[in-house]
Amino acid sequence: MGFFDKLFNTKSTQQEETTSKSNFTWRQLEDISQLDAVEELSEEKLVVIFKHSVSCGISNMVWHQFQNNIDFTNEHIEMLYLDLLANRDISNEITRRFRVLHQSPQILVIQNKEVIHHASHSAIRLSNIKELLPS
């Protein structure tokens, strides 16, 4: 098991990984220290952070629509899920570190330690992320 696998496979919660309809695996952000690994990993592949509030109807709708339409693999992209109700401190650190104003739901695409795309609410589109993937 590699460094990133160890960091993201902590088994500290029941819903540590979520699998979409296409068997795409989402990893859960649960600790601020994971953001250092996110930045490092972004030098190797695209990293997407989906910030989601489970108590918000709009956030739930966007999350399910996004997740159910994924039709690619984890080969060139790492998808991370952030439960805002349980981890607002991580969201605050993401805002500070990547200089993107907090929204919910929100998606950030990180490459080479920089946000190259972000969107919130109905502007979150899978097609925007697919355009960033290598051919």
C-alpha atoms as a PDB file:
ATOM      1  CA  MET A   1       0.000   0.000   0.000  1.00  0.00           C
ATOM      2  CA  GLY A   2       1.449   3.362  -1.076  1.00  0.00           C
ATOM      3  CA  PHE A   3       1.776   6.555   0.916  1.00  0.00           C
ATOM      4  CA  PHE A   4      -1.403   8.086  -0.499  1.00  0.00           C
ATOM      5  CA  ASP A   5      -3.354   4.864   0.005  1.00  0.00           C
ATOM      6  CA  LYS A   6      -2.298   4.784   3.640  1.00  0.00           C
ATOM      7  CA  LEU A   7      -3.223   8.430   4.109  1.00  0.00           C
ATOM      8  CA  PHE A   8      -6.653   8.104   2.526  1.00  0.00           C
ATOM      9  CA  ASN A   9      -7.504   4.625   3.845  1.00  0.00           C
ATOM     10  CA  THR A  10      -7.710   5.385   7.542  1.00  0.00           C
ATOM     11  CA  LYS A  11     -10.851   3.297   8.219  1.00  0.00           C
ATOM     12  CA  SER A  12     -11.912   5.908  10.763  1.00  0.00           C
ATOM     13  CA  THR A  13     -15.455   6.226   9.463  1.00  0.00           C
ATOM     14  CA  GLN A  14     -18.046   3.873   8.077  1.00  0.00           C
ATOM     15  CA  GLN A  15     -18.372   5.748   4.793  1.00  0.00           C
ATOM     16  CA  GLU A  16     -14.719   6.132   4.018  1.00  0.00           C
ATOM     17  CA  GLU A  17     -15.085   5.430   0.309  1.00  0.00           C
ATOM     18  CA  THR A  18     -18.077   5.893  -1.920  1.00  0.00           C
ATOM     19  CA  THR A  19     -18.438   4.088  -5.208  1.00  0.00           C
ATOM     20  CA  SER A  20     -20.431   5.545  -8.078  1.00  0.00           C
ATOM     21  CA  LYS A  21     -22.604   3.644 -10.532  1.00  0.00           C
ATOM     22  CA  SER A  22     -19.561   3.131 -12.779  1.00  0.00           C
ATOM     23  CA  ASN A  23     -17.477   1.739  -9.890  1.00  0.00           C
ATOM     24  CA  PHE A  24     -15.544   4.975  -9.652  1.00  0.00           C
ATOM     25  CA  THR A  25     -14.102   5.342  -6.160  1.00  0.00           C
ATOM     26  CA  TRP A  26     -14.347   8.530  -4.137  1.00  0.00           C
ATOM     27  CA  ARG A  27     -12.054   8.937  -1.142  1.00  0.00           C
ATOM     28  CA  GLN A  28     -13.202  10.884   1.874  1.00  0.00           C
ATOM     29  CA  LEU A  29     -11.331  13.882   3.281  1.00  0.00           C
ATOM     30  CA  GLU A  30     -11.395  13.590   7.062  1.00  0.00           C
ATOM     31  CA  ASP A  31      -8.309  15.385   8.321  1.00  0.00           C
ATOM     32  CA  ILE A  32      -6.584  18.654   7.483  1.00  0.00           C
ATOM     33  CA  SER A  33      -3.258  16.827   7.200  1.00  0.00           C
ATOM     34  CA  GLN A  34      -4.593  15.074   4.083  1.00  0.00           C
ATOM     35  CA  LEU A  35      -4.426  18.379   2.199  1.00  0.00           C
ATOM     36  CA  ASP A  36      -0.620  18.170   2.076  1.00  0.00           C
ATOM     37  CA  ALA A  37      -0.961  14.798   0.343  1.00  0.00           C
ATOM     38  CA  VAL A  38      -3.615  16.251  -1.966  1.00  0.00           C
ATOM     39  CA  GLU A  39      -1.160  18.910  -3.114  1.00  0.00           C
ATOM     40  CA  GLU A  40       1.566  16.305  -3.699  1.00  0.00           C
ATOM     41  CA  LEU A  41      -0.789  13.985  -5.555  1.00  0.00           C
ATOM     42  CA  SER A  42      -1.920  16.873  -7.766  1.00  0.00           C
ATOM     43  CA  GLU A  43       1.556  16.860  -9.307  1.00  0.00           C
ATOM     44  CA  GLU A  44       0.862  13.345 -10.649  1.00  0.00           C
ATOM     45  CA  LYS A  45      -2.834  13.473 -11.568  1.00  0.00           C
ATOM     46  CA  LEU A  46      -5.892  15.695 -11.380  1.00  0.00           C
ATOM     47  CA  VAL A  47      -7.420  15.930  -7.927  1.00  0.00           C
ATOM     48  CA  VAL A  48     -11.081  16.854  -7.553  1.00  0.00           C
ATOM     49  CA  ILE A  49     -12.584  17.863  -4.218  1.00  0.00           C
ATOM     50  CA  PHE A  50     -16.374  17.745  -4.005  1.00  0.00           C
ATOM     51  CA  LYS A  51     -17.599  19.741  -0.998  1.00  0.00           C
ATOM     52  CA  HIS A  52     -21.056  18.554  -0.014  1.00  0.00           C
ATOM     53  CA  SER A  53     -23.548  19.435   2.721  1.00  0.00           C
ATOM     54  CA  VAL A  54     -25.674  16.358   3.397  1.00  0.00           C
ATOM     55  CA  SER A  55     -28.405  18.513   4.980  1.00  0.00           C
ATOM     56  CA  CYS A  56     -28.910  20.633   1.840  1.00  0.00           C
ATOM     57  CA  GLY A  57     -31.378  19.483  -0.805  1.00  0.00           C
ATOM     58  CA  ILE A  58     -29.570  21.290  -3.625  1.00  0.00           C
ATOM     59  CA  SER A  59     -26.239  19.819  -2.563  1.00  0.00           C
ATOM     60  CA  ASN A  60     -27.764  16.316  -2.456  1.00  0.00           C
ATOM     61  CA  MET A  61     -29.262  16.724  -5.926  1.00  0.00           C
ATOM     62  CA  VAL A  62     -25.979  17.954  -7.448  1.00  0.00           C
ATOM     63  CA  TRP A  63     -23.974  15.222  -5.658  1.00  0.00           C
ATOM     64  CA  HIS A  64     -26.202  12.389  -6.889  1.00  0.00           C
ATOM     65  CA  GLN A  65     -26.437  13.749 -10.429  1.00  0.00           C
ATOM     66  CA  PHE A  66     -22.675  14.210 -10.624  1.00  0.00           C
ATOM     67  CA  GLN A  67     -21.830  10.847  -9.078  1.00  0.00           C
ATOM     68  CA  ASN A  68     -24.322   8.877 -11.177  1.00  0.00           C
ATOM     69  CA  ASN A  69     -22.986  10.243 -14.460  1.00  0.00           C
ATOM     70  CA  ILE A  70     -19.291   9.464 -13.993  1.00  0.00           C
ATOM     71  CA  ASP A  71     -18.184   7.319 -16.915  1.00  0.00           C
ATOM     72  CA  PHE A  72     -14.411   7.232 -16.476  1.00  0.00           C
ATOM     73  CA  THR A  73     -11.924   5.505 -14.161  1.00  0.00           C
ATOM     74  CA  ASN A  74      -9.595   6.666 -11.405  1.00  0.00           C
ATOM     75  CA  GLU A  75      -6.559   6.225 -13.661  1.00  0.00           C
ATOM     76  CA  HIS A  76      -5.863   9.937 -14.284  1.00  0.00           C
ATOM     77  CA  ILE A  77      -7.950  11.513 -11.564  1.00  0.00           C
ATOM     78  CA  GLU A  78      -8.453  11.291  -7.813  1.00  0.00           C
ATOM     79  CA  MET A  79     -11.895  12.256  -6.542  1.00  0.00           C
ATOM     80  CA  LEU A  80     -12.245  13.360  -2.926  1.00  0.00           C
ATOM     81  CA  TYR A  81     -15.479  13.866  -1.030  1.00  0.00           C
ATOM     82  CA  LEU A  82     -15.760  16.370   1.830  1.00  0.00           C
ATOM     83  CA  ASP A  83     -18.732  16.176   4.196  1.00  0.00           C
ATOM     84  CA  LEU A  84     -19.049  19.815   5.223  1.00  0.00           C
ATOM     85  CA  LEU A  85     -21.155  19.164   8.313  1.00  0.00           C
ATOM     86  CA  ALA A  86     -18.540  16.852   9.787  1.00  0.00           C
ATOM     87  CA  ASN A  87     -15.453  18.674   8.513  1.00  0.00           C
ATOM     88  CA  ARG A  88     -15.992  22.420   8.252  1.00  0.00           C
ATOM     89  CA  ASP A  89     -12.431  22.963   9.490  1.00  0.00           C
ATOM     90  CA  ILE A  90     -11.096  21.208   6.384  1.00  0.00           C
ATOM     91  CA  SER A  91     -13.282  23.389   4.165  1.00  0.00           C
ATOM     92  CA  ASN A  92     -11.936  26.488   5.900  1.00  0.00           C
ATOM     93  CA  GLU A  93      -8.374  25.290   5.285  1.00  0.00           C
ATOM     94  CA  ILE A  94      -9.184  24.611   1.612  1.00  0.00           C
ATOM     95  CA  THR A  95     -10.456  28.200   1.342  1.00  0.00           C
ATOM     96  CA  ARG A  96      -7.293  29.547   2.942  1.00  0.00           C
ATOM     97  CA  ARG A  97      -4.846  27.312   1.095  1.00  0.00           C
ATOM     98  CA  PHE A  98      -6.350  27.449  -2.401  1.00  0.00           C
ATOM     99  CA  ARG A  99      -7.871  30.964  -2.187  1.00  0.00           C
ATOM    100  CA  VAL A 100     -11.322  29.923  -3.403  1.00  0.00           C
ATOM    101  CA  LEU A 101     -14.350  31.293  -1.557  1.00  0.00           C
ATOM    102  CA  HIS A 102     -16.383  28.590   0.232  1.00  0.00           C
ATOM    103  CA  GLN A 103     -19.602  27.420  -1.442  1.00  0.00           C
ATOM    104  CA  SER A 104     -21.798  24.349  -1.049  1.00  0.00           C
ATOM    105  CA  PRO A 105     -21.987  22.295  -3.064  1.00  0.00           C
ATOM    106  CA  GLN A 106     -18.650  23.097  -4.627  1.00  0.00           C
ATOM    107  CA  ILE A 107     -16.090  21.348  -6.752  1.00  0.00           C
ATOM    108  CA  LEU A 108     -12.406  22.219  -7.034  1.00  0.00           C
ATOM    109  CA  VAL A 109     -10.009  20.706  -9.574  1.00  0.00           C
ATOM    110  CA  ILE A 110      -6.381  20.854  -8.482  1.00  0.00           C
ATOM    111  CA  GLN A 111      -3.329  20.299 -10.665  1.00  0.00           C
ATOM    112  CA  ASN A 112       0.273  21.021  -9.703  1.00  0.00           C
ATOM    113  CA  LYS A 113      -0.877  22.407  -6.342  1.00  0.00           C
ATOM    114  CA  GLU A 114      -3.139  25.027  -7.964  1.00  0.00           C
ATOM    115  CA  VAL A 115      -6.889  25.207  -8.509  1.00  0.00           C
ATOM    116  CA  ILE A 116      -7.414  25.068 -12.275  1.00  0.00           C
ATOM    117  CA  HIS A 117     -11.211  24.932 -12.150  1.00  0.00           C
ATOM    118  CA  HIS A 118     -13.906  25.457  -9.551  1.00  0.00           C
ATOM    119  CA  ALA A 119     -17.674  25.662  -9.663  1.00  0.00           C
ATOM    120  CA  SER A 120     -20.633  25.630  -7.330  1.00  0.00           C
ATOM    121  CA  HIS A 121     -24.310  24.768  -7.350  1.00  0.00           C
ATOM    122  CA  SER A 122     -25.774  24.254 -10.846  1.00  0.00           C
ATOM    123  CA  ALA A 123     -22.473  25.243 -12.493  1.00  0.00           C
ATOM    124  CA  ILE A 124     -20.940  21.921 -11.373  1.00  0.00           C
ATOM    125  CA  ARG A 125     -20.694  19.899 -14.569  1.00  0.00           C
ATOM    126  CA  LEU A 126     -18.960  16.603 -15.180  1.00  0.00           C
ATOM    127  CA  SER A 127     -18.204  17.696 -18.748  1.00  0.00           C
ATOM    128  CA  ASN A 128     -15.902  20.444 -17.427  1.00  0.00           C
ATOM    129  CA  ILE A 129     -13.823  17.872 -15.579  1.00  0.00           C
ATOM    130  CA  LYS A 130     -13.759  15.431 -18.492  1.00  0.00           C
ATOM    131  CA  GLU A 131     -12.281  18.194 -20.677  1.00  0.00           C
ATOM    132  CA  LEU A 132      -9.323  18.416 -18.277  1.00  0.00           C
ATOM    133  CA  LEU A 133      -8.503  14.694 -18.418  1.00  0.00           C
ATOM    134  CA  PRO A 134      -5.661  13.518 -20.669  1.00  0.00           C
ATOM    135  CA  SER A 135      -6.789  12.006 -23.978  1.00  0.00           C
END
